[in-house]
Protein backbone atom coordinates (compact mmCIF):
# COMPACT_ATOMS: atom_id res chain seq x y z
CA MET A 1 22.43 -6.57 -21.37
CA LYS A 2 21.15 -4.48 -18.44
CA LYS A 3 22.01 -5.57 -14.92
CA VAL A 4 19.23 -5.61 -12.32
CA VAL A 5 19.53 -5.76 -8.52
CA LEU A 6 16.78 -6.49 -6.00
CA VAL A 7 16.45 -4.41 -2.84
CA GLY A 8 14.53 -6.68 -0.49
CA ALA A 9 14.19 -10.47 -0.75
CA SER A 10 10.41 -10.24 -0.64
CA LEU A 11 7.44 -12.29 -1.72
CA ARG A 12 6.29 -9.35 -3.83
CA VAL A 13 9.37 -9.21 -6.04
CA ARG A 14 9.07 -12.87 -7.06
CA GLU A 15 6.51 -11.92 -9.76
CA PHE A 16 9.05 -9.56 -11.30
CA VAL A 17 11.73 -12.22 -11.15
CA LYS A 18 9.57 -14.89 -12.77
CA VAL A 19 8.61 -12.71 -15.73
CA LEU A 20 12.19 -11.46 -16.18
CA GLN A 21 13.48 -15.02 -16.18
CA ARG A 22 10.80 -16.14 -18.62
CA ASP A 23 10.57 -13.28 -21.11
CA PHE A 24 13.53 -10.91 -20.83
CA THR A 25 16.70 -12.98 -20.49
CA ASP A 26 18.02 -11.46 -23.72
CA ARG A 27 17.90 -7.92 -22.30
CA TYR A 28 18.01 -8.08 -18.50
CA GLN A 29 20.12 -10.06 -16.06
CA ILE A 30 19.38 -10.23 -12.33
CA VAL A 31 22.81 -10.00 -10.72
CA GLY A 32 22.24 -9.35 -7.01
CA VAL A 33 19.91 -9.07 -4.05
CA MET A 34 20.18 -7.08 -0.84
CA ASP A 35 18.36 -7.83 2.41
CA VAL A 36 19.04 -7.41 6.12
CA ASP A 37 18.46 -11.16 6.66
CA PRO A 38 21.12 -13.35 4.97
CA GLY A 39 19.14 -16.51 5.64
CA LYS A 40 16.03 -15.13 3.98
CA MET A 41 18.11 -14.19 0.94
CA GLN A 42 19.41 -17.76 0.75
CA GLY A 43 15.89 -19.18 0.82
CA PHE A 44 14.70 -16.59 -1.69
CA CYS A 45 17.43 -17.43 -4.19
CA GLU A 46 16.96 -21.18 -3.76
CA SER A 47 13.20 -20.97 -4.25
CA LEU A 48 13.62 -19.08 -7.54
CA ASN A 49 16.76 -20.92 -8.71
CA LEU A 50 18.79 -17.71 -8.70
CA GLN A 51 22.57 -17.84 -8.77
CA ILE A 52 23.30 -14.24 -7.81
CA GLY A 53 25.29 -12.19 -5.32
CA CYS A 54 23.77 -11.65 -1.87
CA PHE A 55 24.50 -8.46 0.09
CA THR A 56 23.41 -6.81 3.31
CA ASP A 57 24.62 -3.33 2.27
CA PHE A 58 23.22 -1.36 -0.67
CA ASP A 59 26.36 0.63 -1.47
CA VAL A 60 28.60 -2.44 -1.31
CA MET A 61 26.26 -4.22 -3.73
CA CYS A 62 26.18 -1.30 -6.15
CA ASP A 63 29.96 -0.81 -6.04
CA ALA A 64 30.53 -4.49 -6.71
CA LEU A 65 27.92 -5.04 -9.43
CA GLN A 66 27.46 -1.63 -11.09
CA PRO A 67 23.76 -2.24 -11.81
CA ASP A 68 21.64 -0.41 -14.37
CA MET A 69 18.38 -0.83 -12.48
CA ALA A 70 17.16 -1.49 -8.94
CA LEU A 71 13.83 -3.02 -7.92
CA VAL A 72 12.89 -1.69 -4.47
CA THR A 73 10.53 -4.02 -2.59
CA THR A 74 11.72 -3.74 0.99
CA VAL A 75 9.76 -2.59 4.07
CA ASP A 76 7.69 0.49 3.15
CA LYS A 77 9.44 2.97 5.42
CA TYR A 78 12.74 2.34 3.60
CA HIS A 79 11.42 2.80 0.05
CA ALA A 80 12.27 6.49 -0.12
CA GLU A 81 15.80 5.91 1.15
CA TYR A 82 16.68 3.38 -1.53
CA VAL A 83 14.87 5.25 -4.31
CA ILE A 84 16.92 8.36 -3.52
CA ARG A 85 20.21 6.44 -3.17
CA ALA A 86 19.59 4.73 -6.51
CA LEU A 87 18.75 8.00 -8.27
CA ASP A 88 21.86 9.72 -6.92
CA ARG A 89 23.92 6.81 -8.24
CA LYS A 90 22.26 7.25 -11.67
CA ILE A 91 20.66 3.81 -11.32
CA GLY A 92 17.19 3.39 -12.81
CA VAL A 93 14.66 2.49 -10.15
CA ILE A 94 11.31 0.70 -9.96
CA CYS A 95 9.67 1.06 -6.56
CA GLU A 96 6.90 -1.16 -5.26
CA LYS A 97 3.89 0.65 -3.81
CA PRO A 98 3.65 2.64 -1.69
CA LEU A 99 6.38 4.89 -3.04
CA CYS A 100 6.92 6.15 0.52
CA ILE A 101 4.97 6.78 3.71
CA SER A 102 4.96 10.54 4.33
CA ALA A 103 4.76 13.92 2.63
CA GLU A 104 8.28 14.61 3.90
CA GLN A 105 9.59 11.58 2.02
CA CYS A 106 7.67 12.73 -1.07
CA ARG A 107 9.54 16.04 -0.97
CA ALA A 108 12.89 14.25 -0.67
CA ILE A 109 12.11 12.00 -3.65
CA ARG A 110 11.04 14.98 -5.75
CA ALA A 111 14.32 16.71 -4.92
CA ALA A 112 16.31 13.61 -5.92
CA GLN A 113 14.45 13.42 -9.23
CA LYS A 114 15.18 17.09 -9.86
CA ARG A 115 18.88 16.35 -9.33
CA ASN A 116 18.72 13.36 -11.70
CA PRO A 117 16.08 14.10 -14.35
CA GLU A 118 17.61 11.72 -16.87
CA VAL A 119 17.31 8.61 -14.68
CA PHE A 120 14.41 6.19 -15.33
CA ALA A 121 12.21 6.06 -12.21
CA VAL A 122 8.68 4.68 -11.86
CA THR A 123 6.29 3.34 -9.24
CA SER A 124 4.92 -0.19 -9.48
CA HIS A 125 1.19 0.54 -9.25
CA ASN A 126 0.02 -2.70 -10.81
CA LEU A 127 -3.68 -2.15 -10.14
CA ARG A 128 -3.77 0.09 -13.22
CA TYR A 129 -3.13 -3.10 -15.19
CA TYR A 130 -5.97 -5.07 -13.64
CA PRO A 131 -8.01 -5.92 -16.77
CA PRO A 132 -11.36 -4.55 -15.49
CA PHE A 133 -9.68 -1.23 -14.62
CA LEU A 134 -7.99 -1.04 -18.01
CA LYS A 135 -11.45 -1.44 -19.56
CA MET A 136 -12.94 1.18 -17.21
CA HIS A 137 -10.22 3.64 -18.21
CA GLU A 138 -11.01 2.93 -21.86
CA LEU A 139 -14.73 3.52 -21.30
CA ILE A 140 -14.23 6.78 -19.39
CA SER A 141 -11.75 8.08 -21.97
CA SER A 142 -14.22 7.29 -24.77
CA GLY A 143 -16.76 9.66 -23.23
CA VAL A 144 -19.50 7.04 -23.10
CA ILE A 145 -20.67 8.22 -19.65
CA GLY A 146 -19.78 11.85 -20.28
CA LYS A 147 -18.24 14.03 -17.60
CA VAL A 148 -17.60 12.05 -14.40
CA LEU A 149 -19.45 13.46 -11.40
CA THR A 150 -19.06 11.07 -8.46
CA VAL A 151 -17.32 7.83 -7.48
CA GLN A 152 -18.06 5.27 -4.78
CA PHE A 153 -15.23 2.84 -4.02
CA VAL A 154 -15.52 0.10 -1.40
CA GLU A 155 -12.64 -2.30 -0.64
CA MET A 156 -13.48 -5.29 1.56
CA LEU A 157 -10.74 -7.55 2.94
CA ASP A 158 -12.08 -10.71 4.53
CA ARG A 159 -10.63 -12.23 7.69
CA TYR A 160 -8.35 -14.50 5.64
CA HIS A 161 -6.77 -11.63 3.72
CA GLY A 162 -7.33 -8.85 6.24
CA THR A 163 -5.58 -10.60 9.11
CA SER A 164 -2.45 -11.03 6.98
CA TYR A 165 -1.64 -7.34 7.45
CA PHE A 166 -1.86 -7.73 11.22
CA ARG A 167 0.43 -10.79 11.43
CA ARG A 168 3.50 -8.95 10.11
CA TRP A 169 5.50 -5.74 10.29
CA ASN A 170 2.68 -4.09 8.30
CA SER A 171 0.66 -3.72 11.50
CA GLU A 172 2.76 -0.86 12.90
CA LYS A 173 2.40 2.64 11.49
CA ALA A 174 6.09 3.35 11.91
CA ASN A 175 6.73 0.77 9.18
CA THR A 176 3.91 1.53 6.75
CA GLY A 177 1.89 4.58 7.74
CA GLY A 178 -1.13 2.27 7.86
CA LEU A 179 -3.25 0.44 5.31
CA GLN A 180 -4.07 3.81 3.73
CA PHE A 181 -0.51 3.71 2.40
CA HIS A 182 0.32 0.01 2.12
CA LYS A 183 -3.01 -1.07 0.63
CA SER A 184 -5.08 1.94 -0.40
CA SER A 185 -2.33 3.84 -2.24
CA HIS A 186 -3.10 1.39 -5.09
CA HIS A 187 -6.69 2.60 -5.11
CA PHE A 188 -5.80 6.27 -4.76
CA ASP A 189 -3.50 5.94 -7.75
CA VAL A 190 -6.19 4.20 -9.83
CA LEU A 191 -8.68 6.93 -8.94
CA ASN A 192 -6.23 9.67 -9.96
CA TRP A 193 -5.59 7.79 -13.22
CA LEU A 194 -9.23 7.06 -14.05
CA LEU A 195 -10.32 10.62 -13.24
CA ASN A 196 -7.26 12.26 -14.83
CA SER A 197 -6.95 14.56 -11.84
CA ARG A 198 -5.32 15.08 -8.45
CA ALA A 199 -6.89 15.08 -5.01
CA ALA A 200 -7.59 18.57 -3.70
CA GLU A 201 -9.14 17.82 -0.30
CA VAL A 202 -9.77 14.81 1.91
CA THR A 203 -11.84 14.29 5.04
CA ALA A 204 -11.45 10.94 6.83
CA ALA A 205 -12.40 8.91 9.89
CA GLY A 206 -11.39 5.42 10.99
CA GLY A 207 -10.17 3.21 13.78
CA LEU A 208 -8.98 -0.17 15.05
CA ILE A 209 -11.90 -2.35 16.15
CA SER A 210 -11.29 -6.01 15.23
CA TYR A 211 -7.56 -6.46 15.90
CA GLY A 212 -5.08 -5.25 18.49
CA ALA A 213 -5.12 -5.53 22.28
CA LYS A 214 -8.56 -3.95 22.80
CA ALA A 215 -10.25 -6.53 20.56
CA SER A 216 -9.42 -9.58 22.68
CA PRO A 217 -8.78 -10.32 26.38
CA PHE A 218 -6.05 -12.74 25.30
CA HIS A 219 -2.98 -12.37 23.12
CA GLY A 220 0.16 -14.39 22.57
CA GLU A 221 3.35 -13.71 20.63
CA ARG A 222 2.85 -15.75 17.46
CA CYS A 223 0.54 -18.44 16.11
CA SER A 224 3.25 -21.04 15.57
CA SER A 225 4.01 -21.25 19.30
CA CYS A 226 0.59 -20.43 20.73
CA THR A 227 -1.53 -22.98 22.63
CA HIS A 228 -4.65 -20.85 22.81
CA GLU A 229 -7.57 -22.14 20.69
CA CYS A 230 -8.20 -18.97 18.75
CA PRO A 231 -10.45 -18.90 15.67
CA TYR A 232 -7.73 -16.92 13.86
CA ARG A 233 -4.95 -19.37 14.66
CA VAL A 234 -2.81 -20.21 11.66
CA ARG A 235 -0.86 -23.46 11.64
CA TYR A 236 1.88 -22.13 9.38
CA LYS A 237 4.46 -24.77 10.23
CA GLU A 238 2.16 -27.71 9.54
CA LYS A 239 0.93 -26.89 6.05
CA MET A 240 2.79 -24.28 4.06
CA ASP A 241 3.71 -23.76 0.45
CA SER A 242 7.39 -24.34 -0.22
CA LEU A 243 8.26 -20.73 -1.12
CA THR A 244 6.82 -19.29 2.09
CA TYR A 245 8.51 -22.02 4.09
CA GLN A 246 11.91 -21.36 2.57
CA LEU A 247 11.58 -17.59 2.91
CA PHE A 248 10.38 -17.38 6.48
CA TYR A 249 11.31 -20.59 8.26
CA LYS A 250 13.88 -22.81 6.61
CA TYR A 251 16.62 -20.17 6.48
CA GLY A 252 15.28 -16.83 7.68
CA THR A 253 15.97 -15.53 11.16
CA PRO A 254 12.78 -15.81 13.27
CA GLY A 255 11.40 -12.39 14.10
CA ARG A 256 9.03 -9.70 12.99
CA TYR A 257 9.21 -10.75 9.32
CA THR A 258 7.65 -14.13 10.10
CA PRO A 259 3.95 -13.77 9.13
CA ASP A 260 2.35 -15.34 12.19
CA LEU A 261 2.49 -12.60 14.82
CA CYS A 262 -0.57 -12.47 17.08
CA ILE A 263 -3.28 -10.24 15.62
CA PHE A 264 -4.26 -9.11 19.14
CA ARG A 265 -0.84 -7.97 20.35
CA PRO A 266 -0.64 -4.45 21.84
CA GLU A 267 1.95 -3.16 19.35
CA ILE A 268 -0.68 -3.00 16.58
CA ASP A 269 -1.58 0.64 15.90
CA ILE A 270 -2.85 0.77 12.30
CA GLU A 271 -6.55 1.20 11.50
CA ASP A 272 -8.53 -1.82 10.31
CA PHE A 273 -11.21 0.35 8.76
CA PHE A 274 -11.50 3.91 7.51
CA THR A 275 -13.62 6.00 5.22
CA ALA A 276 -12.56 9.07 3.24
CA VAL A 277 -14.36 11.70 1.20
CA ILE A 278 -12.01 12.96 -1.52
CA ARG A 279 -12.66 16.04 -3.62
CA TYR A 280 -10.61 16.22 -6.84
CA GLU A 281 -9.26 19.27 -8.59
CA ASN A 282 -11.63 18.64 -11.53
CA GLY A 283 -14.65 18.68 -9.20
CA VAL A 284 -15.29 14.93 -8.88
CA LEU A 285 -16.35 13.79 -5.42
CA CYS A 286 -15.36 10.30 -4.23
CA ASN A 287 -16.46 8.29 -1.21
CA TYR A 288 -13.80 5.66 -0.41
CA ASN A 289 -14.10 2.95 2.23
CA LEU A 290 -11.74 0.17 3.35
CA THR A 291 -12.44 -2.56 5.87
CA ALA A 292 -10.06 -5.35 6.87
CA GLN A 293 -12.49 -7.59 8.75
CA ALA A 294 -15.30 -8.24 6.25
CA ASN A 295 -17.15 -11.55 6.04
CA TYR A 296 -16.22 -11.92 2.39
CA GLU A 297 -13.60 -10.42 0.10
CA GLY A 298 -14.51 -7.95 -2.57
CA MET A 299 -14.44 -4.60 -4.27
CA THR A 300 -17.16 -2.35 -5.62
CA MET A 301 -16.62 0.75 -7.71
CA MET A 302 -19.44 2.88 -9.10
CA ILE A 303 -18.59 5.79 -11.39
CA ASP A 304 -21.47 8.10 -12.28
CA GLY A 305 -21.25 10.51 -15.19
CA GLU A 306 -23.64 12.89 -16.94
CA LYS A 307 -24.55 10.21 -19.51
CA GLY A 308 -24.38 6.99 -17.54
CA ARG A 309 -22.72 4.77 -14.95
CA ILE A 310 -19.87 2.26 -14.94
CA GLU A 311 -20.09 -0.29 -12.17
CA PHE A 312 -17.57 -2.97 -11.19
CA GLU A 313 -18.15 -5.69 -8.64
CA SER A 314 -15.65 -8.32 -7.50
CA ARG A 315 -16.43 -10.98 -4.90
CA ILE A 316 -14.43 -13.82 -3.35
CA TYR A 317 -16.17 -16.28 -1.03
CA ARG A 318 -13.89 -18.63 0.92
CA ASP A 319 -14.80 -21.90 2.57
CA LEU A 320 -12.42 -22.29 5.50
CA LYS A 321 -14.08 -25.63 6.44
CA SER A 322 -13.51 -25.21 10.16
CA GLU A 323 -11.79 -22.95 12.66
CA THR A 324 -8.91 -25.39 13.08
CA ASP A 325 -8.12 -25.90 9.40
CA ASP A 326 -5.02 -24.23 8.05
CA VAL A 327 -5.68 -20.88 6.40
CA GLN A 328 -3.93 -22.14 3.28
CA ASP A 329 -6.49 -24.96 2.99
CA THR A 330 -9.41 -23.06 1.50
CA ASN A 331 -11.92 -23.43 -1.28
CA THR A 332 -12.87 -20.21 -3.01
CA MET A 333 -15.60 -19.04 -5.33
CA SER A 334 -15.18 -15.73 -7.07
CA ARG A 335 -16.97 -13.55 -9.57
CA ASN A 336 -16.23 -10.31 -11.38
CA ARG A 337 -18.79 -8.20 -13.20
CA LEU A 338 -18.35 -4.94 -15.13
CA THR A 339 -21.46 -3.18 -16.40
CA LEU A 340 -22.28 -0.02 -18.32
CA CYS A 341 -25.60 1.75 -17.85
CA ARG A 342 -26.38 4.43 -20.42
CA TYR A 343 -28.78 7.06 -19.13
CA GLY A 344 -32.32 6.37 -20.36
CA ALA A 345 -31.33 3.15 -22.15
CA GLY A 346 -32.96 0.69 -19.78
CA GLU A 347 -31.10 -2.34 -18.39
CA PRO A 348 -27.30 -2.08 -17.95
CA GLU A 349 -25.13 -4.02 -20.39
CA GLU A 350 -22.37 -6.36 -19.27
CA VAL A 351 -18.96 -5.34 -20.58
CA PRO A 352 -16.58 -8.17 -21.56
CA VAL A 353 -13.08 -7.98 -20.09
CA ASN A 354 -9.97 -9.64 -21.50
CA GLN A 355 -8.51 -12.21 -19.12
CA THR A 356 -4.77 -12.43 -18.41
CA GLU A 357 -2.93 -15.08 -16.42
CA GLY A 358 -0.76 -14.03 -13.49
CA GLY A 359 -0.96 -12.57 -10.02
CA HIS A 360 -3.53 -9.94 -9.06
CA GLY A 361 -5.89 -10.98 -11.83
CA GLY A 362 -3.20 -10.76 -14.50
CA ALA A 363 -2.05 -7.28 -13.50
CA ASP A 364 1.39 -8.47 -12.38
CA THR A 365 2.14 -10.01 -15.76
CA LEU A 366 1.00 -6.93 -17.68
CA ILE A 367 2.89 -4.40 -15.59
CA VAL A 368 6.18 -6.32 -15.72
CA GLN A 369 5.82 -6.64 -19.49
CA ASP A 370 5.38 -2.87 -19.66
CA LEU A 371 8.11 -2.01 -17.17
CA PHE A 372 10.78 -3.85 -19.12
CA SER A 373 9.61 -3.20 -22.67
CA ASP A 374 11.60 -0.97 -25.00
CA ALA A 375 8.70 1.48 -25.19
CA PRO A 376 6.63 1.52 -21.96
CA SER A 377 3.02 2.62 -22.33
CA ARG A 378 1.46 5.71 -20.77
CA THR A 379 -0.32 3.41 -18.31
CA LEU A 380 2.90 3.13 -16.31
CA ALA A 381 2.79 5.16 -13.09
CA THR A 382 5.51 7.80 -12.81
CA MET A 383 7.22 8.85 -9.59
CA GLU A 384 4.90 11.87 -9.52
CA ASP A 385 1.92 9.51 -9.77
CA GLY A 386 3.32 7.59 -6.81
CA ILE A 387 3.73 10.84 -4.88
CA GLN A 388 0.13 11.84 -5.56
CA ALA A 389 -1.14 8.47 -4.27
CA VAL A 390 0.93 8.85 -1.09
CA LEU A 391 -0.32 12.40 -0.53
CA VAL A 392 -3.93 11.17 -0.37
CA ALA A 393 -2.91 8.59 2.25
CA ALA A 394 -1.01 11.25 4.19
CA GLY A 395 -4.10 13.45 4.02
CA VAL A 396 -6.22 10.61 5.42
CA ASN A 397 -3.86 10.27 8.40
CA ARG A 398 -3.78 14.00 9.03
CA SER A 399 -7.56 14.31 8.78
CA MET A 400 -8.13 11.42 11.21
CA ALA A 401 -5.63 12.87 13.67
CA ASP A 402 -6.85 16.48 13.51
CA GLY A 403 -10.56 15.92 12.83
CA ARG A 404 -10.63 18.31 9.89
CA THR A 405 -10.57 18.54 6.12
CA VAL A 406 -7.03 18.53 4.72
CA ARG A 407 -5.86 20.30 1.57
CA VAL A 408 -3.84 17.50 0.00
CA GLN A 409 -1.42 19.45 -2.18
CA ASP A 410 -0.55 21.76 0.73
CA LEU A 411 1.10 18.80 2.48
CA LEU A 412 4.07 19.13 0.12
CA ALA A 413 4.64 22.73 1.16
CA GLU A 414 4.91 22.10 4.90
């Protein structure tokens, strides 16, 4: 029986916990959790019916429990620290995306892996397991569209989803590096995987236009105590699912982890939109765009090859009913469509995609099954894959700051 510890009592790690409790109790035992907030740990354990040790110090936890594996899902800027500390203790590690938030941290992780080559270490890039992307990878690998030439990738976060990143610690670059790390590293990893290549160069531009102090003449501290009638106001304390309540209010210490910080406060310094042109080492050219204030949620990816095109479209339309309704109280309509157009063959054909239950369109279930299987598949993202995704994000930041094209792989040599 392998012993597992959790680094960070987060909402994200609950998917791992649920699958481990359901499918892997014969091989893995969750024995401890570490977080800086003891109250949040208490609520986390209660919400998932976990009877485990709670610690506020990583080394104390590891000395006491002698774990075989650590799941790192804490604040992004600390990922590298705990990945390295786990590796140097010979503890297997699974790190939530992003692996880290700078090229400097990438170098430190690489060095730790070189010191401990025998230790299992992977990055949790679950978007590879999203069923439409699994099918796209299959189609590209089959050669049905021939050599890939160009990619267009558009990620649209609506004002329900997009504002969530500006209500929490995610909204400060010191914690995350920006959405190019926290959100888009998923996409950069999928692109590297689908194209079987690494980014060579990136040119980017972006900014903060819909959130932060410049976007509104008024700002408060947090929605739960605000009296201003703002269209983005979230009545978290009135209507909230039990897990969120227990994690952030019932036990947790009020502060920056509570997800109702004002989206117009002056501390916000991440971009809410950016666009990047990425040139890959195999010659593919990609135009990538992210916006966090769209009128509907969705994703579009178009991959053109010498023999045809693969196109994926995902849309989510939310009915928020009125400006004063709770953000949790929504009706949604969604659609996904994957098509294959063979050059000269007329109308595109719709490609069926296997459906899987679970978070992120079934991706969470599939990745956890793979992470804890006896023989993980080649779909699993390695630490090097995680590093390559982070390097694209770091290149985006450097390009926006300097106004120039950045050679992505050179960032590791600085």
